[in-house]
Amino acid sequence: MIMTQTAVSTASRDAEHEPLLEVDDLKVEFRVGHGVVSAVNGVSFTLEKGRTLAVVGESGSGKSVTAQAIMRLLQTPPARVTGGRILFQGRDLLQLSESAHRAVCGEHIAIVFQDALAALNPVYSIGFQLSEALRRRRHLSRSRARARAIELLQLVEVPNASQRVKDYPHQFSGGMRQRVMIAMALALEPEVLIADEPTTALDVTVQAQIMRLLGEIQAEREMGMILITHDLGVVAEVADEVNVMYAGRVVEQAPVEQIFARPGHPYTQALLRSIPRLDRKGHQLDAISGRPPELTRIPAGCPFHPRCDRAEDICRSDPAPALRELAGGRSAACQFAE
């Protein structure tokens, strides 16, 4: 069949606007001695080329488990993906063989972990660890891989890269180790970068440097980035869209400006109230009452209702509400969101 020029142009436009990554109704559980932990309960989102999606929520909300499911890093057992799809450029990663999945996530999707010291091997030099993927995946010679490792360290602004490439992880500061982790993630020039708490335990100055660096590299390469973080200040600076997660569910999705200007879900509103503010100096911080539910015993109805000051009988008795569209490109999983 011969395609007309119009059909070719239409197909090209459709491919151009197809999401880089699409997670559709993802479900992950852990079977443990005292029951089944429902860690991810129907998470869906899309990531576009050159855009940053921030995923926020308290510890245990399912943020990192979602990322690890994408990368197939969950230990099985006890973890098990029980439903959903993870589409990268139209291919369902959950249906790929182990070797095929490794090829995709090794070259096209990369992750930066929150604990660089634990992620780096202490007995190998930084240069060896940077070179290994290049030699295996790109079949570079030892000398060319080493030269590329130095280039990567220079890209992430590690001073005196030609000498530091010989050093070991313990010889680097926390901020420099995080830069090395970013260099390793970028070595194969991925289209998608997952940054899982990339600035945890770093001081605010180093945090700003790391996020600036990620932003510059993202803009240069037009990568899609998923940023998992607790820091709403960072979210305000770098994100395009935001997913708010609670008890394994996405309870709000919105453009970053709308999240701060018009949060729809009571949980999002409570998170924003808990941010320290200069204009409230001397005032007590607003804390969210209670604690997140145990994922083996998620309450009936809306999972947030035991901590919500707006909860009514419908919130306790009806099934957990699905995301529904609101004004301004927002969606929230709440009966009363406006």
Foldseek 3Di string as FASTA:
>chain_A
DDDDPVRVVVVVVVLQFDFQKWWFQWWKWFQDDVFIFGQAGTAIDTWHFLAEEEEAEDPSLNPVVVVCVLLVNDDPHRMDTDDTFMAGSRDTLVPDDPVVSCVCCLAAEFEQDQQLVVVFDQVAFLLCLLLVSCCVPVVDDSVVSSVLLLVLLVLLPDPPSNVSSRHGPVVDDPLSSLSSSVSSRPSNPHQEYEYANSCPPHDPVSVVSNLVSVSVVCVVSRHTYYYYHHDLVSCLVGHQKYFYGALNYGFKIAGNVCLVVANFDQVSVQSVQQDDDPVQPPDDGRHQPDDGDRSRCQAAAASCQVRGPPDDPNRRHPHFADWDDDPRRMTGRDPGTD
